[in-house]
Amino acid sequence: HHQEEIIHKLAMQLRNIGDSIDRGMVQEDLLQQEVREALAHCVLVF
């Protein structure tokens, strides 16, 4: 039972790490898209 509790805690920690990585990747993708849109706007204006 103790080992199962430890495994469950570790699984939850891994899940939280995975979720935070996913959020970071989504934020990075949004930032890259914003940069692309700004660059496209500058090219059109130029």
ModelCIF file with pLDDT and N, C-alpha, C, O atoms, coordinates in Angstrom:
data_MODEL
#
_entry.id   MODEL 
#
_entity.id                         1 
_entity.type                       polymer 
_entity.pdbx_number_of_molecules   1 
#
_entity_poly.entity_id                      1 
_entity_poly.type                           'polypeptide(L)' 
_entity_poly.nstd_linkage                   no 
_entity_poly.nstd_monomer                   no 
_entity_poly.pdbx_seq_one_letter_code       HHQEEIIHKLAMQLRNIGDSIDRGMVQEDLLQQEVREALAHCVLVF 
_entity_poly.pdbx_seq_one_letter_code_can   HHQEEIIHKLAMQLRNIGDSIDRGMVQEDLLQQEVREALAHCVLVF 
_entity_poly.pdbx_strand_id                 A 
#
loop_
_entity_poly_seq.entity_id 
_entity_poly_seq.num 
_entity_poly_seq.mon_id 
_entity_poly_seq.hetero 
1 1  HIS n 
1 2  HIS n 
1 3  GLN n 
1 4  GLU n 
1 5  GLU n 
1 6  ILE n 
1 7  ILE n 
1 8  HIS n 
1 9  LYS n 
1 10 LEU n 
1 11 ALA n 
1 12 MET n 
1 13 GLN n 
1 14 LEU n 
1 15 ARG n 
1 16 ASN n 
1 17 ILE n 
1 18 GLY n 
1 19 ASP n 
1 20 SER n 
1 21 ILE n 
1 22 ASP n 
1 23 ARG n 
1 24 GLY n 
1 25 MET n 
1 26 VAL n 
1 27 GLN n 
1 28 GLU n 
1 29 ASP n 
1 30 LEU n 
1 31 LEU n 
1 32 GLN n 
1 33 GLN n 
1 34 GLU n 
1 35 VAL n 
1 36 ARG n 
1 37 GLU n 
1 38 ALA n 
1 39 LEU n 
1 40 ALA n 
1 41 HIS n 
1 42 CYS n 
1 43 VAL n 
1 44 LEU n 
1 45 VAL n 
1 46 PHE n 
#
_struct_asym.id          A 
_struct_asym.entity_id   1 
#
loop_
_ma_qa_metric.id 
_ma_qa_metric.mode 
_ma_qa_metric.name 
_ma_qa_metric.software_group_id 
_ma_qa_metric.type 
1 global pLDDT . pLDDT 
2 local  pLDDT . pLDDT 
#
_ma_qa_metric_global.metric_id      1 
_ma_qa_metric_global.metric_value   86.04 
_ma_qa_metric_global.model_id       1 
_ma_qa_metric_global.ordinal_id     1 
#
loop_
_ma_qa_metric_local.label_asym_id 
_ma_qa_metric_local.label_comp_id 
_ma_qa_metric_local.label_seq_id 
_ma_qa_metric_local.metric_id 
_ma_qa_metric_local.metric_value 
_ma_qa_metric_local.model_id 
_ma_qa_metric_local.ordinal_id 
A HIS 1  2 83.00 1 1  
A HIS 2  2 86.00 1 2  
A GLN 3  2 89.00 1 3  
A GLU 4  2 89.00 1 4  
A GLU 5  2 90.00 1 5  
A ILE 6  2 91.00 1 6  
A ILE 7  2 90.00 1 7  
A HIS 8  2 89.00 1 8  
A LYS 9  2 91.00 1 9  
A LEU 10 2 91.00 1 10 
A ALA 11 2 90.00 1 11 
A MET 12 2 90.00 1 12 
A GLN 13 2 90.00 1 13 
A LEU 14 2 89.00 1 14 
A ARG 15 2 88.00 1 15 
A ASN 16 2 86.00 1 16 
A ILE 17 2 86.00 1 17 
A GLY 18 2 84.00 1 18 
A ASP 19 2 84.00 1 19 
A SER 20 2 83.00 1 20 
A ILE 21 2 80.00 1 21 
A ASP 22 2 78.00 1 22 
A ARG 23 2 78.00 1 23 
A GLY 24 2 75.00 1 24 
A MET 25 2 79.00 1 25 
A VAL 26 2 75.00 1 26 
A GLN 27 2 78.00 1 27 
A GLU 28 2 81.00 1 28 
A ASP 29 2 81.00 1 29 
A LEU 30 2 79.00 1 30 
A LEU 31 2 80.00 1 31 
A GLN 32 2 85.00 1 32 
A GLN 33 2 85.00 1 33 
A GLU 34 2 87.00 1 34 
A VAL 35 2 87.00 1 35 
A ARG 36 2 87.00 1 36 
A GLU 37 2 90.00 1 37 
A ALA 38 2 90.00 1 38 
A LEU 39 2 90.00 1 39 
A ALA 40 2 91.00 1 40 
A HIS 41 2 91.00 1 41 
A CYS 42 2 91.00 1 42 
A VAL 43 2 90.00 1 43 
A LEU 44 2 90.00 1 44 
A VAL 45 2 90.00 1 45 
A PHE 46 2 91.00 1 46 
#
loop_
_atom_site.group_PDB 
_atom_site.id 
_atom_site.type_symbol 
_atom_site.label_atom_id 
_atom_site.label_alt_id 
_atom_site.label_comp_id 
_atom_site.label_asym_id 
_atom_site.label_entity_id 
_atom_site.label_seq_id 
_atom_site.pdbx_PDB_ins_code 
_atom_site.Cartn_x 
_atom_site.Cartn_y 
_atom_site.Cartn_z 
_atom_site.occupancy 
_atom_site.B_iso_or_equiv 
_atom_site.pdbx_formal_charge 
_atom_site.auth_seq_id 
_atom_site.auth_comp_id 
_atom_site.auth_asym_id 
_atom_site.auth_atom_id 
_atom_site.pdbx_PDB_model_num 
ATOM 1   N N  . HIS A 1 1  ? 0.836 -1.202 0.000   1.00 83.00 ? 1  HIS A N  1 
ATOM 2   C CA . HIS A 1 1  ? 0.000 0.000  0.000   1.00 83.00 ? 1  HIS A CA 1 
ATOM 3   C C  . HIS A 1 1  ? 0.872 1.253  0.000   1.00 83.00 ? 1  HIS A C  1 
ATOM 4   O O  . HIS A 1 1  ? 0.580 2.218  -0.706  1.00 83.00 ? 1  HIS A O  1 
ATOM 5   N N  . HIS A 1 2  ? 1.934 1.234  0.788   1.00 86.00 ? 2  HIS A N  1 
ATOM 6   C CA . HIS A 1 2  ? 2.855 2.372  0.831   1.00 86.00 ? 2  HIS A CA 1 
ATOM 7   C C  . HIS A 1 2  ? 3.517 2.583  -0.539  1.00 86.00 ? 2  HIS A C  1 
ATOM 8   O O  . HIS A 1 2  ? 3.651 3.716  -1.003  1.00 86.00 ? 2  HIS A O  1 
ATOM 9   N N  . GLN A 1 3  ? 3.921 1.495  -1.168  1.00 89.00 ? 3  GLN A N  1 
ATOM 10  C CA . GLN A 1 3  ? 4.535 1.599  -2.496  1.00 89.00 ? 3  GLN A CA 1 
ATOM 11  C C  . GLN A 1 3  ? 3.542 2.146  -3.514  1.00 89.00 ? 3  GLN A C  1 
ATOM 12  O O  . GLN A 1 3  ? 3.907 2.943  -4.378  1.00 89.00 ? 3  GLN A O  1 
ATOM 13  N N  . GLU A 1 4  ? 2.282 1.716  -3.412  1.00 89.00 ? 4  GLU A N  1 
ATOM 14  C CA . GLU A 1 4  ? 1.257 2.233  -4.312  1.00 89.00 ? 4  GLU A CA 1 
ATOM 15  C C  . GLU A 1 4  ? 1.052 3.729  -4.114  1.00 89.00 ? 4  GLU A C  1 
ATOM 16  O O  . GLU A 1 4  ? 0.864 4.467  -5.081  1.00 89.00 ? 4  GLU A O  1 
ATOM 17  N N  . GLU A 1 5  ? 1.087 4.180  -2.854  1.00 90.00 ? 5  GLU A N  1 
ATOM 18  C CA . GLU A 1 5  ? 0.952 5.611  -2.582  1.00 90.00 ? 5  GLU A CA 1 
ATOM 19  C C  . GLU A 1 5  ? 2.108 6.392  -3.196  1.00 90.00 ? 5  GLU A C  1 
ATOM 20  O O  . GLU A 1 5  ? 1.905 7.451  -3.790  1.00 90.00 ? 5  GLU A O  1 
ATOM 21  N N  . ILE A 1 6  ? 3.313 5.868  -3.050  1.00 91.00 ? 6  ILE A N  1 
ATOM 22  C CA . ILE A 1 6  ? 4.490 6.532  -3.620  1.00 91.00 ? 6  ILE A CA 1 
ATOM 23  C C  . ILE A 1 6  ? 4.384 6.580  -5.137  1.00 91.00 ? 6  ILE A C  1 
ATOM 24  O O  . ILE A 1 6  ? 4.670 7.608  -5.750  1.00 91.00 ? 6  ILE A O  1 
ATOM 25  N N  . ILE A 1 7  ? 3.975 5.477  -5.741  1.00 90.00 ? 7  ILE A N  1 
ATOM 26  C CA . ILE A 1 7  ? 3.833 5.427  -7.203  1.00 90.00 ? 7  ILE A CA 1 
ATOM 27  C C  . ILE A 1 7  ? 2.776 6.438  -7.653  1.00 90.00 ? 7  ILE A C  1 
ATOM 28  O O  . ILE A 1 7  ? 2.963 7.128  -8.655  1.00 90.00 ? 7  ILE A O  1 
ATOM 29  N N  . HIS A 1 8  ? 1.670 6.525  -6.914  1.00 89.00 ? 8  HIS A N  1 
ATOM 30  C CA . HIS A 1 8  ? 0.613 7.476  -7.260  1.00 89.00 ? 8  HIS A CA 1 
ATOM 31  C C  . HIS A 1 8  ? 1.125 8.914  -7.168  1.00 89.00 ? 8  HIS A C  1 
ATOM 32  O O  . HIS A 1 8  ? 0.844 9.730  -8.045  1.00 89.00 ? 8  HIS A O  1 
ATOM 33  N N  . LYS A 1 9  ? 1.882 9.228  -6.101  1.00 91.00 ? 9  LYS A N  1 
ATOM 34  C CA . LYS A 1 9  ? 2.434 10.580 -5.950  1.00 91.00 ? 9  LYS A CA 1 
ATOM 35  C C  . LYS A 1 9  ? 3.403 10.904 -7.086  1.00 91.00 ? 9  LYS A C  1 
ATOM 36  O O  . LYS A 1 9  ? 3.384 12.008 -7.630  1.00 91.00 ? 9  LYS A O  1 
ATOM 37  N N  . LEU A 1 10 ? 4.244 9.941  -7.437  1.00 91.00 ? 10 LEU A N  1 
ATOM 38  C CA . LEU A 1 10 ? 5.196 10.165 -8.531  1.00 91.00 ? 10 LEU A CA 1 
ATOM 39  C C  . LEU A 1 10 ? 4.459 10.353 -9.864  1.00 91.00 ? 10 LEU A C  1 
ATOM 40  O O  . LEU A 1 10 ? 4.841 11.191 -10.681 1.00 91.00 ? 10 LEU A O  1 
ATOM 41  N N  . ALA A 1 11 ? 3.408 9.567  -10.067 1.00 90.00 ? 11 ALA A N  1 
ATOM 42  C CA . ALA A 1 11 ? 2.630 9.706  -11.302 1.00 90.00 ? 11 ALA A CA 1 
ATOM 43  C C  . ALA A 1 11 ? 1.987 11.083 -11.384 1.00 90.00 ? 11 ALA A C  1 
ATOM 44  O O  . ALA A 1 11 ? 1.942 11.684 -12.457 1.00 90.00 ? 11 ALA A O  1 
ATOM 45  N N  . MET A 1 12 ? 1.490 11.588 -10.260 1.00 90.00 ? 12 MET A N  1 
ATOM 46  C CA . MET A 1 12 ? 0.883 12.918 -10.247 1.00 90.00 ? 12 MET A CA 1 
ATOM 47  C C  . MET A 1 12 ? 1.930 14.001 -10.504 1.00 90.00 ? 12 MET A C  1 
ATOM 48  O O  . MET A 1 12 ? 1.655 14.982 -11.195 1.00 90.00 ? 12 MET A O  1 
ATOM 49  N N  . GLN A 1 13 ? 3.128 13.823 -9.947  1.00 90.00 ? 13 GLN A N  1 
ATOM 50  C CA . GLN A 1 13 ? 4.193 14.789 -10.203 1.00 90.00 ? 13 GLN A CA 1 
ATOM 51  C C  . GLN A 1 13 ? 4.576 14.792 -11.676 1.00 90.00 ? 13 GLN A C  1 
ATOM 52  O O  . GLN A 1 13 ? 4.775 15.850 -12.273 1.00 90.00 ? 13 GLN A O  1 
ATOM 53  N N  . LEU A 1 14 ? 4.679 13.600 -12.258 1.00 89.00 ? 14 LEU A N  1 
ATOM 54  C CA . LEU A 1 14 ? 4.995 13.518 -13.693 1.00 89.00 ? 14 LEU A CA 1 
ATOM 55  C C  . LEU A 1 14 ? 3.891 14.157 -14.528 1.00 89.00 ? 14 LEU A C  1 
ATOM 56  O O  . LEU A 1 14 ? 4.170 14.828 -15.522 1.00 89.00 ? 14 LEU A O  1 
ATOM 57  N N  . ARG A 1 15 ? 2.660 13.954 -14.134 1.00 88.00 ? 15 ARG A N  1 
ATOM 58  C CA . ARG A 1 15 ? 1.535 14.562 -14.851 1.00 88.00 ? 15 ARG A CA 1 
ATOM 59  C C  . ARG A 1 15 ? 1.626 16.081 -14.783 1.00 88.00 ? 15 ARG A C  1 
ATOM 60  O O  . ARG A 1 15 ? 1.431 16.765 -15.787 1.00 88.00 ? 15 ARG A O  1 
ATOM 61  N N  . ASN A 1 16 ? 1.922 16.608 -13.594 1.00 86.00 ? 16 ASN A N  1 
ATOM 62  C CA . ASN A 1 16 ? 2.045 18.057 -13.437 1.00 86.00 ? 16 ASN A CA 1 
ATOM 63  C C  . ASN A 1 16 ? 3.199 18.604 -14.272 1.00 86.00 ? 16 ASN A C  1 
ATOM 64  O O  . ASN A 1 16 ? 3.081 19.671 -14.873 1.00 86.00 ? 16 ASN A O  1 
ATOM 65  N N  . ILE A 1 17 ? 4.304 17.881 -14.309 1.00 86.00 ? 17 ILE A N  1 
ATOM 66  C CA . ILE A 1 17 ? 5.440 18.305 -15.129 1.00 86.00 ? 17 ILE A CA 1 
ATOM 67  C C  . ILE A 1 17 ? 5.048 18.317 -16.599 1.00 86.00 ? 17 ILE A C  1 
ATOM 68  O O  . ILE A 1 17 ? 5.361 19.263 -17.320 1.00 86.00 ? 17 ILE A O  1 
ATOM 69  N N  . GLY A 1 18 ? 4.365 17.269 -17.043 1.00 84.00 ? 18 GLY A N  1 
ATOM 70  C CA . GLY A 1 18 ? 3.917 17.204 -18.430 1.00 84.00 ? 18 GLY A CA 1 
ATOM 71  C C  . GLY A 1 18 ? 2.954 18.323 -18.778 1.00 84.00 ? 18 GLY A C  1 
ATOM 72  O O  . GLY A 1 18 ? 3.037 18.916 -19.853 1.00 84.00 ? 18 GLY A O  1 
ATOM 73  N N  . ASP A 1 19 ? 2.024 18.612 -17.847 1.00 84.00 ? 19 ASP A N  1 
ATOM 74  C CA . ASP A 1 19 ? 1.072 19.704 -18.087 1.00 84.00 ? 19 ASP A CA 1 
ATOM 75  C C  . ASP A 1 19 ? 1.782 21.044 -18.197 1.00 84.00 ? 19 ASP A C  1 
ATOM 76  O O  . ASP A 1 19 ? 1.442 21.860 -19.053 1.00 84.00 ? 19 ASP A O  1 
ATOM 77  N N  . SER A 1 20 ? 2.774 21.275 -17.327 1.00 83.00 ? 20 SER A N  1 
ATOM 78  C CA . SER A 1 20 ? 3.474 22.559 -17.381 1.00 83.00 ? 20 SER A CA 1 
ATOM 79  C C  . SER A 1 20 ? 4.304 22.664 -18.658 1.00 83.00 ? 20 SER A C  1 
ATOM 80  O O  . SER A 1 20 ? 4.441 23.753 -19.215 1.00 83.00 ? 20 SER A O  1 
ATOM 81  N N  . ILE A 1 21 ? 4.852 21.559 -19.123 1.00 80.00 ? 21 ILE A N  1 
ATOM 82  C CA . ILE A 1 21 ? 5.591 21.576 -20.393 1.00 80.00 ? 21 ILE A CA 1 
ATOM 83  C C  . ILE A 1 21 ? 4.638 21.890 -21.539 1.00 80.00 ? 21 ILE A C  1 
ATOM 84  O O  . ILE A 1 21 ? 4.966 22.683 -22.422 1.00 80.00 ? 21 ILE A O  1 
ATOM 85  N N  . ASP A 1 22 ? 3.456 21.269 -21.528 1.00 78.00 ? 22 ASP A N  1 
ATOM 86  C CA . ASP A 1 22 ? 2.463 21.541 -22.573 1.00 78.00 ? 22 ASP A CA 1 
ATOM 87  C C  . ASP A 1 22 ? 2.056 23.012 -22.579 1.00 78.00 ? 22 ASP A C  1 
ATOM 88  O O  . ASP A 1 22 ? 1.962 23.629 -23.640 1.00 78.00 ? 22 ASP A O  1 
ATOM 89  N N  . ARG A 1 23 ? 1.812 23.576 -21.381 1.00 78.00 ? 23 ARG A N  1 
ATOM 90  C CA . ARG A 1 23 ? 1.434 24.998 -21.303 1.00 78.00 ? 23 ARG A CA 1 
ATOM 91  C C  . ARG A 1 23 ? 2.555 25.868 -21.847 1.00 78.00 ? 23 ARG A C  1 
ATOM 92  O O  . ARG A 1 23 ? 2.300 26.833 -22.568 1.00 78.00 ? 23 ARG A O  1 
ATOM 93  N N  . GLY A 1 24 ? 3.792 25.533 -21.506 1.00 75.00 ? 24 GLY A N  1 
ATOM 94  C CA . GLY A 1 24 ? 4.927 26.307 -21.993 1.00 75.00 ? 24 GLY A CA 1 
ATOM 95  C C  . GLY A 1 24 ? 5.043 26.244 -23.503 1.00 75.00 ? 24 GLY A C  1 
ATOM 96  O O  . GLY A 1 24 ? 5.359 27.239 -24.155 1.00 75.00 ? 24 GLY A O  1 
ATOM 97  N N  . MET A 1 25 ? 4.783 25.057 -24.059 1.00 79.00 ? 25 MET A N  1 
ATOM 98  C CA . MET A 1 25 ? 4.878 24.905 -25.511 1.00 79.00 ? 25 MET A CA 1 
ATOM 99  C C  . MET A 1 25 ? 3.764 25.682 -26.201 1.00 79.00 ? 25 MET A C  1 
ATOM 100 O O  . MET A 1 25 ? 3.991 26.283 -27.250 1.00 79.00 ? 25 MET A O  1 
ATOM 101 N N  . VAL A 1 26 ? 2.563 25.678 -25.625 1.00 75.00 ? 26 VAL A N  1 
ATOM 102 C CA . VAL A 1 26 ? 1.447 26.425 -26.208 1.00 75.00 ? 26 VAL A CA 1 
ATOM 103 C C  . VAL A 1 26 ? 1.754 27.914 -26.173 1.00 75.00 ? 26 VAL A C  1 
ATOM 104 O O  . VAL A 1 26 ? 1.521 28.619 -27.155 1.00 75.00 ? 26 VAL A O  1 
ATOM 105 N N  . GLN A 1 27 ? 2.281 28.403 -25.039 1.00 78.00 ? 27 GLN A N  1 
ATOM 106 C CA . GLN A 1 27 ? 2.623 29.817 -24.936 1.00 78.00 ? 27 GLN A CA 1 
ATOM 107 C C  . GLN A 1 27 ? 3.718 30.172 -25.937 1.00 78.00 ? 27 GLN A C  1 
ATOM 108 O O  . GLN A 1 27 ? 3.688 31.243 -26.544 1.00 78.00 ? 27 GLN A O  1 
ATOM 109 N N  . GLU A 1 28 ? 4.680 29.275 -26.108 1.00 81.00 ? 28 GLU A N  1 
ATOM 110 C CA . GLU A 1 28 ? 5.755 29.524 -27.073 1.00 81.00 ? 28 GLU A CA 1 
ATOM 111 C C  . GLU A 1 28 ? 5.205 29.561 -28.491 1.00 81.00 ? 28 GLU A C  1 
ATOM 112 O O  . GLU A 1 28 ? 5.612 30.401 -29.294 1.00 81.00 ? 28 GLU A O  1 
ATOM 113 N N  . ASP A 1 29 ? 4.288 28.661 -28.802 1.00 81.00 ? 29 ASP A N  1 
ATOM 114 C CA . ASP A 1 29 ? 3.672 28.658 -30.132 1.00 81.00 ? 29 ASP A CA 1 
ATOM 115 C C  . ASP A 1 29 ? 2.906 29.956 -30.377 1.00 81.00 ? 29 ASP A C  1 
ATOM 116 O O  . ASP A 1 29 ? 2.978 30.522 -31.468 1.00 81.00 ? 29 ASP A O  1 
ATOM 117 N N  . LEU A 1 30 ? 2.171 30.430 -29.367 1.00 79.00 ? 30 LEU A N  1 
ATOM 118 C CA . LEU A 1 30 ? 1.430 31.685 -29.516 1.00 79.00 ? 30 LEU A CA 1 
ATOM 119 C C  . LEU A 1 30 ? 2.388 32.850 -29.724 1.00 79.00 ? 30 LEU A C  1 
ATOM 120 O O  . LEU A 1 30 ? 2.126 33.734 -30.540 1.00 79.00 ? 30 LEU A O  1 
ATOM 121 N N  . LEU A 1 31 ? 3.483 32.854 -29.000 1.00 80.00 ? 31 LEU A N  1 
ATOM 122 C CA . LEU A 1 31 ? 4.468 33.928 -29.143 1.00 80.00 ? 31 LEU A CA 1 
ATOM 123 C C  . LEU A 1 31 ? 5.072 33.894 -30.541 1.00 80.00 ? 31 LEU A C  1 
ATOM 124 O O  . LEU A 1 31 ? 5.230 34.936 -31.177 1.00 80.00 ? 31 LEU A O  1 
ATOM 125 N N  . GLN A 1 32 ? 5.408 32.704 -31.020 1.00 85.00 ? 32 GLN A N  1 
ATOM 126 C CA . GLN A 1 32 ? 5.959 32.596 -32.370 1.00 85.00 ? 32 GLN A CA 1 
ATOM 127 C C  . GLN A 1 32 ? 4.957 33.082 -33.409 1.00 85.00 ? 32 GLN A C  1 
ATOM 128 O O  . GLN A 1 32 ? 5.341 33.738 -34.377 1.00 85.00 ? 32 GLN A O  1 
ATOM 129 N N  . GLN A 1 33 ? 3.681 32.769 -33.221 1.00 85.00 ? 33 GLN A N  1 
ATOM 130 C CA . GLN A 1 33 ? 2.662 33.222 -34.164 1.00 85.00 ? 33 GLN A CA 1 
ATOM 131 C C  . GLN A 1 33 ? 2.534 34.739 -34.127 1.00 85.00 ? 33 GLN A C  1 
ATOM 132 O O  . GLN A 1 33 ? 2.379 35.371 -35.171 1.00 85.00 ? 33 GLN A O  1 
ATOM 133 N N  . GLU A 1 34 ? 2.599 35.329 -32.936 1.00 87.00 ? 34 GLU A N  1 
ATOM 134 C CA . GLU A 1 34 ? 2.535 36.781 -32.830 1.00 87.00 ? 34 GLU A CA 1 
ATOM 135 C C  . GLU A 1 34 ? 3.722 37.428 -33.536 1.00 87.00 ? 34 GLU A C  1 
ATOM 136 O O  . GLU A 1 34 ? 3.567 38.451 -34.204 1.00 87.00 ? 34 GLU A O  1 
ATOM 137 N N  . VAL A 1 35 ? 4.898 36.840 -33.393 1.00 87.00 ? 35 VAL A N  1 
ATOM 138 C CA . VAL A 1 35 ? 6.095 37.365 -34.058 1.00 87.00 ? 35 VAL A CA 1 
ATOM 139 C C  . VAL A 1 35 ? 5.935 37.265 -35.567 1.00 87.00 ? 35 VAL A C  1 
ATOM 140 O O  . VAL A 1 35 ? 6.280 38.202 -36.287 1.00 87.00 ? 35 VAL A O  1 
ATOM 141 N N  . ARG A 1 36 ? 5.417 36.145 -36.055 1.00 87.00 ? 36 ARG A N  1 
ATOM 142 C CA . ARG A 1 36 ? 5.201 35.977 -37.508 1.00 87.00 ? 36 ARG A CA 1 
ATOM 143 C C  . ARG A 1 36 ? 4.219 37.008 -38.038 1.00 87.00 ? 36 ARG A C  1 
ATOM 144 O O  . ARG A 1 36 ? 4.424 37.588 -39.105 1.00 87.00 ? 36 ARG A O  1 
ATOM 145 N N  . GLU A 1 37 ? 3.139 37.232 -37.274 1.00 90.00 ? 37 GLU A N  1 
ATOM 146 C CA . GLU A 1 37 ? 2.144 38.215 -37.718 1.00 90.00 ? 37 GLU A CA 1 
ATOM 147 C C  . GLU A 1 37 ? 2.735 39.622 -37.727 1.00 90.00 ? 37 GLU A C  1 
ATOM 148 O O  . GLU A 1 37 ? 2.477 40.393 -38.651 1.00 90.00 ? 37 GLU A O  1 
ATOM 149 N N  . ALA A 1 38 ? 3.521 39.963 -36.714 1.00 90.00 ? 38 ALA A N  1 
ATOM 150 C CA . ALA A 1 38 ? 4.153 41.283 -36.678 1.00 90.00 ? 38 ALA A CA 1 
ATOM 151 C C  . ALA A 1 38 ? 5.139 41.434 -37.824 1.00 90.00 ? 38 ALA A C  1 
ATOM 152 O O  . ALA A 1 38 ? 5.210 42.492 -38.449 1.00 90.00 ? 38 ALA A O  1 
ATOM 153 N N  . LEU A 1 39 ? 5.896 40.388 -38.100 1.00 90.00 ? 39 LEU A N  1 
ATOM 154 C CA . LEU A 1 39 ? 6.851 40.432 -39.208 1.00 90.00 ? 39 LEU A CA 1 
ATOM 155 C C  . LEU A 1 39 ? 6.122 40.588 -40.544 1.00 90.00 ? 39 LEU A C  1 
ATOM 156 O O  . LEU A 1 39 ? 6.547 41.368 -41.396 1.00 90.00 ? 39 LEU A O  1 
ATOM 157 N N  . ALA A 1 40 ? 5.035 39.855 -40.725 1.00 91.00 ? 40 ALA A N  1 
ATOM 158 C CA . ALA A 1 40 ? 4.265 39.970 -41.959 1.00 91.00 ? 40 ALA A CA 1 
ATOM 159 C C  . ALA A 1 40 ? 3.716 41.388 -42.110 1.00 91.00 ? 40 ALA A C  1 
ATOM 160 O O  . ALA A 1 40 ? 3.718 41.937 -43.212 1.00 91.00 ? 40 ALA A O  1 
ATOM 161 N N  . HIS A 1 41 ? 3.247 41.982 -41.015 1.00 91.00 ? 41 HIS A N  1 
ATOM 162 C CA . HIS A 1 41 ? 2.735 43.354 -41.058 1.00 91.00 ? 41 HIS A CA 1 
ATOM 163 C C  . HIS A 1 41 ? 3.850 44.325 -41.461 1.00 91.00 ? 41 HIS A C  1 
ATOM 164 O O  . HIS A 1 41 ? 3.633 45.204 -42.295 1.00 91.00 ? 41 HIS A O  1 
ATOM 165 N N  . CYS A 1 42 ? 5.036 44.168 -40.876 1.00 91.00 ? 42 CYS A N  1 
ATOM 166 C CA . CYS A 1 42 ? 6.170 45.042 -41.218 1.00 91.00 ? 42 CYS A CA 1 
ATOM 167 C C  . CYS A 1 42 ? 6.560 44.897 -42.683 1.00 91.00 ? 42 CYS A C  1 
ATOM 168 O O  . CYS A 1 42 ? 6.860 45.889 -43.347 1.00 91.00 ? 42 CYS A O  1 
ATOM 169 N N  . VAL A 1 43 ? 6.556 43.672 -43.189 1.00 90.00 ? 43 VAL A N  1 
ATOM 170 C CA . VAL A 1 43 ? 6.912 43.446 -44.597 1.00 90.00 ? 43 VAL A CA 1 
ATOM 171 C C  . VAL A 1 43 ? 5.894 44.125 -45.505 1.00 90.00 ? 43 VAL A C  1 
ATOM 172 O O  . VAL A 1 43 ? 6.269 44.763 -46.489 1.00 90.00 ? 43 VAL A O  1 
ATOM 173 N N  . LEU A 1 44 ? 4.604 43.992 -45.183 1.00 90.00 ? 44 LEU A N  1 
ATOM 174 C CA . LEU A 1 44 ? 3.569 44.641 -46.002 1.00 90.00 ? 44 LEU A CA 1 
ATOM 175 C C  . LEU A 1 44 ? 3.702 46.155 -45.974 1.00 90.00 ? 44 LEU A C  1 
ATOM 176 O O  . LEU A 1 44 ? 3.579 46.813 -47.007 1.00 90.00 ? 44 LEU A O  1 
ATOM 177 N N  . VAL A 1 45 ? 3.952 46.705 -44.799 1.00 90.00 ? 45 VAL A N  1 
ATOM 178 C CA . VAL A 1 45 ? 4.111 48.157 -44.695 1.00 90.00 ? 45 VAL A CA 1 
ATOM 179 C C  . VAL A 1 45 ? 5.337 48.607 -45.475 1.00 90.00 ? 45 VAL A C  1 
ATOM 180 O O  . VAL A 1 45 ? 5.290 49.613 -46.182 1.00 90.00 ? 45 VAL A O  1 
ATOM 181 N N  . PHE A 1 46 ? 6.435 47.867 -45.349 1.00 91.00 ? 46 PHE A N  1 
ATOM 182 C CA . PHE A 1 46 ? 7.667 48.229 -46.057 1.00 91.00 ? 46 PHE A CA 1 
ATOM 183 C C  . PHE A 1 46 ? 7.452 48.221 -47.571 1.00 91.00 ? 46 PHE A C  1 
ATOM 184 O O  . PHE A 1 46 ? 8.381 48.501 -48.328 1.00 91.00 ? 46 PHE A O  1 
#
